[in-house]
Amino acid sequence: DLEQDQRIDVLNGFASGRIPVMVATDVLSRGIDIDT
């Protein structure tokens, strides 16, 4: 339900550690490139 730019903001916040917990649907099960 999020726009692509909103998803990118969430991913950037998670990758940077600003957002320590992410609740995600299968939309995120593939293609995420976060090593931490």
PDB file of all heavy atoms in Angstrom:
ATOM      1  N   ASP A   1       0.808  -1.214   0.000  1.00  0.00           N
ATOM      2  CA  ASP A   1       0.000   0.000   0.000  1.00  0.00           C
ATOM      3  C   ASP A   1       0.847   1.272   0.000  1.00  0.00           C
ATOM      4  O   ASP A   1       0.325   2.365  -0.186  1.00  0.00           O
ATOM      5  CB  ASP A   1      -0.936   0.021   1.213  1.00  0.00           C
ATOM      6  CG  ASP A   1      -2.023  -1.033   1.131  1.00  0.00           C
ATOM      7  OD1 ASP A   1      -2.263  -1.557   0.021  1.00  0.00           O
ATOM      8  OD2 ASP A   1      -2.629  -1.346   2.176  1.00  0.00           O
ATOM      9  N   LEU A   2       2.151   1.127   0.222  1.00  0.00           N
ATOM     10  CA  LEU A   2       3.030   2.298   0.222  1.00  0.00           C
ATOM     11  C   LEU A   2       3.475   2.623  -1.195  1.00  0.00           C
ATOM     12  O   LEU A   2       3.678   1.732  -2.012  1.00  0.00           O
ATOM     13  CB  LEU A   2       4.276   2.037   1.080  1.00  0.00           C
ATOM     14  CG  LEU A   2       4.084   1.816   2.570  1.00  0.00           C
ATOM     15  CD1 LEU A   2       5.441   1.560   3.227  1.00  0.00           C
ATOM     16  CD2 LEU A   2       3.392   2.991   3.224  1.00  0.00           C
ATOM     17  N   GLU A   3       3.682   3.898  -1.446  1.00  0.00           N
ATOM     18  CA  GLU A   3       4.274   4.319  -2.712  1.00  0.00           C
ATOM     19  C   GLU A   3       5.749   3.922  -2.698  1.00  0.00           C
ATOM     20  O   GLU A   3       6.348   3.762  -1.630  1.00  0.00           O
ATOM     21  CB  GLU A   3       4.139   5.842  -2.884  1.00  0.00           C
ATOM     22  CG  GLU A   3       2.710   6.328  -2.949  1.00  0.00           C
ATOM     23  CD  GLU A   3       1.980   5.841  -4.201  1.00  0.00           C
ATOM     24  OE1 GLU A   3       2.642   5.673  -5.246  1.00  0.00           O
ATOM     25  OE2 GLU A   3       0.762   5.629  -4.125  1.00  0.00           O
ATOM     26  N   GLN A   4       6.345   3.791  -3.851  1.00  0.00           N
ATOM     27  CA  GLN A   4       7.735   3.364  -3.946  1.00  0.00           C
ATOM     28  C   GLN A   4       8.677   4.285  -3.175  1.00  0.00           C
ATOM     29  O   GLN A   4       9.587   3.821  -2.498  1.00  0.00           O
ATOM     30  CB  GLN A   4       8.178   3.252  -5.409  1.00  0.00           C
ATOM     31  CG  GLN A   4       9.569   2.703  -5.584  1.00  0.00           C
ATOM     32  CD  GLN A   4       9.742   1.284  -5.049  1.00  0.00           C
ATOM     33  OE1 GLN A   4       8.812   0.498  -4.998  1.00  0.00           O
ATOM     34  NE2 GLN A   4      10.963   0.962  -4.641  1.00  0.00           N
ATOM     35  N   ASP A   5       8.454   5.597  -3.238  1.00  0.00           N
ATOM     36  CA  ASP A   5       9.341   6.511  -2.508  1.00  0.00           C
ATOM     37  C   ASP A   5       9.200   6.336  -0.997  1.00  0.00           C
ATOM     38  O   ASP A   5      10.175   6.477  -0.253  1.00  0.00           O
ATOM     39  CB  ASP A   5       9.121   7.969  -2.927  1.00  0.00           C
ATOM     40  CG  ASP A   5       7.711   8.467  -2.693  1.00  0.00           C
ATOM     41  OD1 ASP A   5       6.762   7.658  -2.722  1.00  0.00           O
ATOM     42  OD2 ASP A   5       7.551   9.689  -2.494  1.00  0.00           O
ATOM     43  N   GLN A   6       7.996   5.983  -0.527  1.00  0.00           N
ATOM     44  CA  GLN A   6       7.805   5.707   0.898  1.00  0.00           C
ATOM     45  C   GLN A   6       8.556   4.431   1.298  1.00  0.00           C
ATOM     46  O   GLN A   6       9.171   4.374   2.367  1.00  0.00           O
ATOM     47  CB  GLN A   6       6.316   5.549   1.220  1.00  0.00           C
ATOM     48  CG  GLN A   6       5.522   6.827   1.062  1.00  0.00           C
ATOM     49  CD  GLN A   6       4.029   6.577   1.222  1.00  0.00           C
ATOM     50  OE1 GLN A   6       3.452   5.722   0.554  1.00  0.00           O
ATOM     51  NE2 GLN A   6       3.420   7.314   2.143  1.00  0.00           N
ATOM     52  N   ARG A   7       8.496   3.402   0.451  1.00  0.00           N
ATOM     53  CA  ARG A   7       9.234   2.166   0.726  1.00  0.00           C
ATOM     54  C   ARG A   7      10.727   2.442   0.807  1.00  0.00           C
ATOM     55  O   ARG A   7      11.424   1.931   1.684  1.00  0.00           O
ATOM     56  CB  ARG A   7       8.975   1.126  -0.374  1.00  0.00           C
ATOM     57  CG  ARG A   7       7.583   0.569  -0.373  1.00  0.00           C
ATOM     58  CD  ARG A   7       7.463  -0.494  -1.444  1.00  0.00           C
ATOM     59  NE  ARG A   7       6.066  -0.685  -1.792  1.00  0.00           N
ATOM     60  CZ  ARG A   7       5.653  -1.402  -2.799  1.00  0.00           C
ATOM     61  NH1 ARG A   7       6.522  -2.011  -3.603  1.00  0.00           N
ATOM     62  NH2 ARG A   7       4.369  -1.548  -3.043  1.00  0.00           N
ATOM     63  N   ILE A   8      11.224   3.259  -0.107  1.00  0.00           N
ATOM     64  CA  ILE A   8      12.654   3.597  -0.108  1.00  0.00           C
ATOM     65  C   ILE A   8      13.030   4.331   1.174  1.00  0.00           C
ATOM     66  O   ILE A   8      14.074   4.052   1.779  1.00  0.00           O
ATOM     67  CB  ILE A   8      13.016   4.413  -1.363  1.00  0.00           C
ATOM     68  CG1 ILE A   8      12.931   3.508  -2.601  1.00  0.00           C
ATOM     69  CG2 ILE A   8      14.408   5.035  -1.234  1.00  0.00           C
ATOM     70  CD1 ILE A   8      13.008   4.237  -3.925  1.00  0.00           C
ATOM     71  N   ASP A   9      12.177   5.258   1.628  1.00  0.00           N
ATOM     72  CA  ASP A   9      12.435   5.977   2.888  1.00  0.00           C
ATOM     73  C   ASP A   9      12.509   5.001   4.063  1.00  0.00           C
ATOM     74  O   ASP A   9      13.386   5.113   4.920  1.00  0.00           O
ATOM     75  CB  ASP A   9      11.351   7.024   3.148  1.00  0.00           C
ATOM     76  CG  ASP A   9      11.463   8.227   2.242  1.00  0.00           C
ATOM     77  OD1 ASP A   9      12.527   8.408   1.600  1.00  0.00           O
ATOM     78  OD2 ASP A   9      10.470   8.992   2.164  1.00  0.00           O
ATOM     79  N   VAL A  10      11.583   4.043   4.112  1.00  0.00           N
ATOM     80  CA  VAL A  10      11.580   3.055   5.193  1.00  0.00           C
ATOM     81  C   VAL A  10      12.855   2.212   5.131  1.00  0.00           C
ATOM     82  O   VAL A  10      13.526   2.004   6.145  1.00  0.00           O
ATOM     83  CB  VAL A  10      10.328   2.153   5.133  1.00  0.00           C
ATOM     84  CG1 VAL A  10      10.443   0.974   6.087  1.00  0.00           C
ATOM     85  CG2 VAL A  10       9.070   2.962   5.437  1.00  0.00           C
ATOM     86  N   LEU A  11      13.198   1.730   3.953  1.00  0.00           N
ATOM     87  CA  LEU A  11      14.415   0.918   3.800  1.00  0.00           C
ATOM     88  C   LEU A  11      15.664   1.696   4.186  1.00  0.00           C
ATOM     89  O   LEU A  11      16.557   1.161   4.858  1.00  0.00           O
ATOM     90  CB  LEU A  11      14.539   0.397   2.369  1.00  0.00           C
ATOM     91  CG  LEU A  11      13.588  -0.730   2.000  1.00  0.00           C
ATOM     92  CD1 LEU A  11      13.666  -1.025   0.504  1.00  0.00           C
ATOM     93  CD2 LEU A  11      13.881  -1.977   2.803  1.00  0.00           C
ATOM     94  N   ASN A  12      15.737   2.964   3.794  1.00  0.00           N
ATOM     95  CA  ASN A  12      16.888   3.790   4.162  1.00  0.00           C
ATOM     96  C   ASN A  12      16.963   3.996   5.675  1.00  0.00           C
ATOM     97  O   ASN A  12      18.041   3.945   6.262  1.00  0.00           O
ATOM     98  CB  ASN A  12      16.848   5.136   3.447  1.00  0.00           C
ATOM     99  CG  ASN A  12      17.184   5.018   1.977  1.00  0.00           C
ATOM    100  OD1 ASN A  12      17.806   4.053   1.539  1.00  0.00           O
ATOM    101  ND2 ASN A  12      16.746   6.001   1.202  1.00  0.00           N
ATOM    102  N   GLY A  13      15.812   4.211   6.306  1.00  0.00           N
ATOM    103  CA  GLY A  13      15.777   4.362   7.762  1.00  0.00           C
ATOM    104  C   GLY A  13      16.197   3.095   8.475  1.00  0.00           C
ATOM    105  O   GLY A  13      16.909   3.126   9.487  1.00  0.00           O
ATOM    106  N   PHE A  14      15.791   1.951   7.948  1.00  0.00           N
ATOM    107  CA  PHE A  14      16.170   0.665   8.528  1.00  0.00           C
ATOM    108  C   PHE A  14      17.661   0.399   8.320  1.00  0.00           C
ATOM    109  O   PHE A  14      18.381   0.024   9.250  1.00  0.00           O
ATOM    110  CB  PHE A  14      15.319  -0.446   7.919  1.00  0.00           C
ATOM    111  CG  PHE A  14      15.554  -1.796   8.534  1.00  0.00           C
ATOM    112  CD1 PHE A  14      15.068  -2.092   9.798  1.00  0.00           C
ATOM    113  CD2 PHE A  14      16.258  -2.757   7.849  1.00  0.00           C
ATOM    114  CE1 PHE A  14      15.286  -3.329  10.370  1.00  0.00           C
ATOM    115  CE2 PHE A  14      16.474  -4.009   8.405  1.00  0.00           C
ATOM    116  CZ  PHE A  14      15.995  -4.302   9.673  1.00  0.00           C
ATOM    117  N   ALA A  15      18.140   0.608   7.110  1.00  0.00           N
ATOM    118  CA  ALA A  15      19.550   0.356   6.788  1.00  0.00           C
ATOM    119  C   ALA A  15      20.480   1.239   7.614  1.00  0.00           C
ATOM    120  O   ALA A  15      21.571   0.817   8.006  1.00  0.00           O
ATOM    121  CB  ALA A  15      19.800   0.560   5.300  1.00  0.00           C
ATOM    122  N   SER A  16      20.051   2.460   7.905  1.00  0.00           N
ATOM    123  CA  SER A  16      20.889   3.389   8.671  1.00  0.00           C
ATOM    124  C   SER A  16      20.823   3.124  10.170  1.00  0.00           C
ATOM    125  O   SER A  16      21.612   3.688  10.930  1.00  0.00           O
ATOM    126  CB  SER A  16      20.452   4.829   8.401  1.00  0.00           C
ATOM    127  OG  SER A  16      19.190   5.087   9.016  1.00  0.00           O
ATOM    128  N   GLY A  17      19.863   2.302  10.608  1.00  0.00           N
ATOM    129  CA  GLY A  17      19.702   2.035  12.032  1.00  0.00           C
ATOM    130  C   GLY A  17      18.751   2.989  12.726  1.00  0.00           C
ATOM    131  O   GLY A  17      18.453   2.837  13.906  1.00  0.00           O
ATOM    132  N   ARG A  18      18.284   4.000  11.995  1.00  0.00           N
ATOM    133  CA  ARG A  18      17.326   4.950  12.580  1.00  0.00           C
ATOM    134  C   ARG A  18      16.025   4.252  12.944  1.00  0.00           C
ATOM    135  O   ARG A  18      15.372   4.595  13.921  1.00  0.00           O
ATOM    136  CB  ARG A  18      17.077   6.086  11.583  1.00  0.00           C
ATOM    137  CG  ARG A  18      16.257   7.231  12.128  1.00  0.00           C
ATOM    138  CD  ARG A  18      16.184   8.393  11.138  1.00  0.00           C
ATOM    139  NE  ARG A  18      16.026   8.026   9.745  1.00  0.00           N
ATOM    140  CZ  ARG A  18      14.857   7.740   9.154  1.00  0.00           C
ATOM    141  NH1 ARG A  18      13.743   7.775   9.846  1.00  0.00           N
ATOM    142  NH2 ARG A  18      14.812   7.427   7.865  1.00  0.00           N
ATOM    143  N   ILE A  19      15.638   3.245  12.157  1.00  0.00           N
ATOM    144  CA  ILE A  19      14.455   2.424  12.416  1.00  0.00           C
ATOM    145  C   ILE A  19      14.965   1.010  12.690  1.00  0.00           C
ATOM    146  O   ILE A  19      15.380   0.316  11.779  1.00  0.00           O
ATOM    147  CB  ILE A  19      13.496   2.418  11.211  1.00  0.00           C
ATOM    148  CG1 ILE A  19      13.033   3.835  10.881  1.00  0.00           C
ATOM    149  CG2 ILE A  19      12.310   1.507  11.476  1.00  0.00           C
ATOM    150  CD1 ILE A  19      12.305   3.937   9.547  1.00  0.00           C
ATOM    151  N   PRO A  20      14.976   0.583  13.966  1.00  0.00           N
ATOM    152  CA  PRO A  20      15.567  -0.718  14.285  1.00  0.00           C
ATOM    153  C   PRO A  20      14.679  -1.928  13.978  1.00  0.00           C
ATOM    154  O   PRO A  20      15.184  -3.034  13.847  1.00  0.00           O
ATOM    155  CB  PRO A  20      15.843  -0.624  15.780  1.00  0.00           C
ATOM    156  CG  PRO A  20      14.886   0.390  16.289  1.00  0.00           C
ATOM    157  CD  PRO A  20      14.648   1.358  15.154  1.00  0.00           C
ATOM    158  N   VAL A  21      13.363  -1.705  13.855  1.00  0.00           N
ATOM    159  CA  VAL A  21      12.428  -2.810  13.621  1.00  0.00           C
ATOM    160  C   VAL A  21      11.558  -2.481  12.425  1.00  0.00           C
ATOM    161  O   VAL A  21      10.979  -1.399  12.347  1.00  0.00           O
ATOM    162  CB  VAL A  21      11.530  -3.065  14.858  1.00  0.00           C
ATOM    163  CG1 VAL A  21      10.523  -4.171  14.591  1.00  0.00           C
ATOM    164  CG2 VAL A  21      12.374  -3.393  16.087  1.00  0.00           C
ATOM    165  N   MET A  22      11.469  -3.448  11.520  1.00  0.00           N
ATOM    166  CA  MET A  22      10.607  -3.274  10.353  1.00  0.00           C
ATOM    167  C   MET A  22       9.601  -4.416  10.312  1.00  0.00           C
ATOM    168  O   MET A  22       9.975  -5.577  10.446  1.00  0.00           O
ATOM    169  CB  MET A  22      11.430  -3.262   9.071  1.00  0.00           C
ATOM    170  CG  MET A  22      10.595  -2.957   7.858  1.00  0.00           C
ATOM    171  SD  MET A  22      11.503  -2.713   6.305  1.00  0.00           S
ATOM    172  CE  MET A  22      13.186  -3.056   6.659  1.00  0.00           C
ATOM    173  N   VAL A  23       8.348  -4.077  10.134  1.00  0.00           N
ATOM    174  CA  VAL A  23       7.281  -5.063   9.949  1.00  0.00           C
ATOM    175  C   VAL A  23       6.953  -5.038   8.464  1.00  0.00           C
ATOM    176  O   VAL A  23       6.604  -3.990   7.921  1.00  0.00           O
ATOM    177  CB  VAL A  23       6.034  -4.717  10.794  1.00  0.00           C
ATOM    178  CG1 VAL A  23       4.923  -5.718  10.554  1.00  0.00           C
ATOM    179  CG2 VAL A  23       6.388  -4.655  12.278  1.00  0.00           C
ATOM    180  N   ALA A  24       7.099  -6.198   7.817  1.00  0.00           N
ATOM    181  CA  ALA A  24       6.976  -6.216   6.362  1.00  0.00           C
ATOM    182  C   ALA A  24       6.151  -7.395   5.872  1.00  0.00           C
ATOM    183  O   ALA A  24       6.117  -8.447   6.498  1.00  0.00           O
ATOM    184  CB  ALA A  24       8.361  -6.277   5.736  1.00  0.00           C
ATOM    185  N   THR A  25       5.513  -7.192   4.754  1.00  0.00           N
ATOM    186  CA  THR A  25       4.824  -8.280   4.073  1.00  0.00           C
ATOM    187  C   THR A  25       5.809  -8.927   3.104  1.00  0.00           C
ATOM    188  O   THR A  25       6.975  -8.546   3.032  1.00  0.00           O
ATOM    189  CB  THR A  25       3.606  -7.753   3.284  1.00  0.00           C
ATOM    190  OG1 THR A  25       4.083  -6.831   2.296  1.00  0.00           O
ATOM    191  CG2 THR A  25       2.601  -7.069   4.195  1.00  0.00           C
ATOM    192  N   ASP A  26       5.331  -9.886   2.335  1.00  0.00           N
ATOM    193  CA  ASP A  26       6.188 -10.556   1.361  1.00  0.00           C
ATOM    194  C   ASP A  26       6.737  -9.617   0.301  1.00  0.00           C
ATOM    195  O   ASP A  26       7.638  -9.990  -0.440  1.00  0.00           O
ATOM    196  CB  ASP A  26       5.430 -11.693   0.661  1.00  0.00           C
ATOM    197  CG  ASP A  26       5.500 -12.974   1.454  1.00  0.00           C
ATOM    198  OD1 ASP A  26       6.363 -13.092   2.332  1.00  0.00           O
ATOM    199  OD2 ASP A  26       4.684 -13.873   1.182  1.00  0.00           O
ATOM    200  N   VAL A  27       6.243  -8.396   0.230  1.00  0.00           N
ATOM    201  CA  VAL A  27       6.769  -7.436  -0.735  1.00  0.00           C
ATOM    202  C   VAL A  27       8.271  -7.241  -0.501  1.00  0.00           C
ATOM    203  O   VAL A  27       9.013  -6.883  -1.400  1.00  0.00           O
ATOM    204  CB  VAL A  27       6.004  -6.089  -0.661  1.00  0.00           C
ATOM    205  CG1 VAL A  27       6.349  -5.302   0.580  1.00  0.00           C
ATOM    206  CG2 VAL A  27       6.243  -5.246  -1.894  1.00  0.00           C
ATOM    207  N   LEU A  28       8.729  -7.568   0.702  1.00  0.00           N
ATOM    208  CA  LEU A  28      10.124  -7.354   1.058  1.00  0.00           C
ATOM    209  C   LEU A  28      10.951  -8.633   1.073  1.00  0.00           C
ATOM    210  O   LEU A  28      12.148  -8.594   1.297  1.00  0.00           O
ATOM    211  CB  LEU A  28      10.200  -6.691   2.437  1.00  0.00           C
ATOM    212  CG  LEU A  28      11.523  -6.047   2.805  1.00  0.00           C
ATOM    213  CD1 LEU A  28      11.862  -4.929   1.843  1.00  0.00           C
ATOM    214  CD2 LEU A  28      11.489  -5.550   4.212  1.00  0.00           C
ATOM    215  N   SER A  29      10.343  -9.789   0.820  1.00  0.00           N
ATOM    216  CA  SER A  29      11.083 -11.038   0.994  1.00  0.00           C
ATOM    217  C   SER A  29      12.199 -11.232  -0.027  1.00  0.00           C
ATOM    218  O   SER A  29      13.134 -11.972   0.223  1.00  0.00           O
ATOM    219  CB  SER A  29      10.134 -12.233   0.962  1.00  0.00           C
ATOM    220  OG  SER A  29       9.552 -12.399  -0.310  1.00  0.00           O
ATOM    221  N   ARG A  30      12.107 -10.588  -1.157  1.00  0.00           N
ATOM    222  CA  ARG A  30      13.157 -10.713  -2.172  1.00  0.00           C
ATOM    223  C   ARG A  30      13.652  -9.324  -2.571  1.00  0.00           C
ATOM    224  O   ARG A  30      12.911  -8.363  -2.573  1.00  0.00           O
ATOM    225  CB  ARG A  30      12.624 -11.419  -3.416  1.00  0.00           C
ATOM    226  CG  ARG A  30      12.194 -12.834  -3.142  1.00  0.00           C
ATOM    227  CD  ARG A  30      11.640 -13.458  -4.408  1.00  0.00           C
ATOM    228  NE  ARG A  30      11.069 -14.754  -4.121  1.00  0.00           N
ATOM    229  CZ  ARG A  30      11.489 -15.878  -4.671  1.00  0.00           C
ATOM    230  NH1 ARG A  30      12.457 -15.864  -5.543  1.00  0.00           N
ATOM    231  NH2 ARG A  30      10.921 -17.017  -4.359  1.00  0.00           N
ATOM    232  N   GLY A  31      14.914  -9.270  -2.892  1.00  0.00           N
ATOM    233  CA  GLY A  31      15.443  -8.036  -3.450  1.00  0.00           C
ATOM    234  C   GLY A  31      15.936  -7.010  -2.462  1.00  0.00           C
ATOM    235  O   GLY A  31      16.433  -5.974  -2.873  1.00  0.00           O
ATOM    236  N   ILE A  32      15.819  -7.265  -1.176  1.00  0.00           N
ATOM    237  CA  ILE A  32      16.317  -6.294  -0.202  1.00  0.00           C
ATOM    238  C   ILE A  32      17.835  -6.438  -0.116  1.00  0.00           C
ATOM    239  O   ILE A  32      18.371  -7.538  -0.067  1.00  0.00           O
ATOM    240  CB  ILE A  32      15.642  -6.488   1.175  1.00  0.00           C
ATOM    241  CG1 ILE A  32      16.133  -5.434   2.162  1.00  0.00           C
ATOM    242  CG2 ILE A  32      15.830  -7.877   1.694  1.00  0.00           C
ATOM    243  CD1 ILE A  32      15.414  -5.464   3.490  1.00  0.00           C
ATOM    244  N   ASP A  33      18.540  -5.322  -0.106  1.00  0.00           N
ATOM    245  CA  ASP A  33      19.992  -5.351  -0.102  1.00  0.00           C
ATOM    246  C   ASP A  33      20.523  -4.642   1.143  1.00  0.00           C
ATOM    247  O   ASP A  33      21.111  -3.571   1.062  1.00  0.00           O
ATOM    248  CB  ASP A  33      20.533  -4.707  -1.378  1.00  0.00           C
ATOM    249  CG  ASP A  33      22.024  -4.896  -1.540  1.00  0.00           C
ATOM    250  OD1 ASP A  33      22.560  -5.869  -0.962  1.00  0.00           O
ATOM    251  OD2 ASP A  33      22.650  -4.076  -2.219  1.00  0.00           O
ATOM    252  N   ILE A  34      20.253  -5.235   2.301  1.00  0.00           N
ATOM    253  CA  ILE A  34      20.730  -4.704   3.576  1.00  0.00           C
ATOM    254  C   ILE A  34      21.493  -5.830   4.264  1.00  0.00           C
ATOM    255  O   ILE A  34      20.941  -6.885   4.552  1.00  0.00           O
ATOM    256  CB  ILE A  34      19.563  -4.209   4.461  1.00  0.00           C
ATOM    257  CG1 ILE A  34      18.793  -3.092   3.747  1.00  0.00           C
ATOM    258  CG2 ILE A  34      20.082  -3.737   5.819  1.00  0.00           C
ATOM    259  CD1 ILE A  34      17.538  -2.636   4.453  1.00  0.00           C
ATOM    260  N   ASP A  35      22.777  -5.601   4.528  1.00  0.00           N
ATOM    261  CA  ASP A  35      23.633  -6.651   5.071  1.00  0.00           C
ATOM    262  C   ASP A  35      23.556  -6.808   6.580  1.00  0.00           C
ATOM    263  O   ASP A  35      24.104  -7.759   7.127  1.00  0.00           O
ATOM    264  CB  ASP A  35      25.095  -6.380   4.694  1.00  0.00           C
ATOM    265  CG  ASP A  35      25.334  -6.492   3.206  1.00  0.00           C
ATOM    266  OD1 ASP A  35      24.560  -7.195   2.531  1.00  0.00           O
ATOM    267  OD2 ASP A  35      26.294  -5.873   2.721  1.00  0.00           O
ATOM    268  N   THR A  36      22.911  -5.901   7.283  1.00  0.00           N
ATOM    269  CA  THR A  36      22.979  -5.887   8.748  1.00  0.00           C
ATOM    270  C   THR A  36      21.785  -6.525   9.439  1.00  0.00           C
ATOM    271  O   THR A  36      21.623  -6.358  10.639  1.00  0.00           O
ATOM    272  CB  THR A  36      23.133  -4.443   9.238  1.00  0.00           C
ATOM    273  OG1 THR A  36      22.017  -3.676   8.756  1.00  0.00           O
ATOM    274  CG2 THR A  36      24.429  -3.825   8.769  1.00  0.00           C
TER     275      THR A  36
END
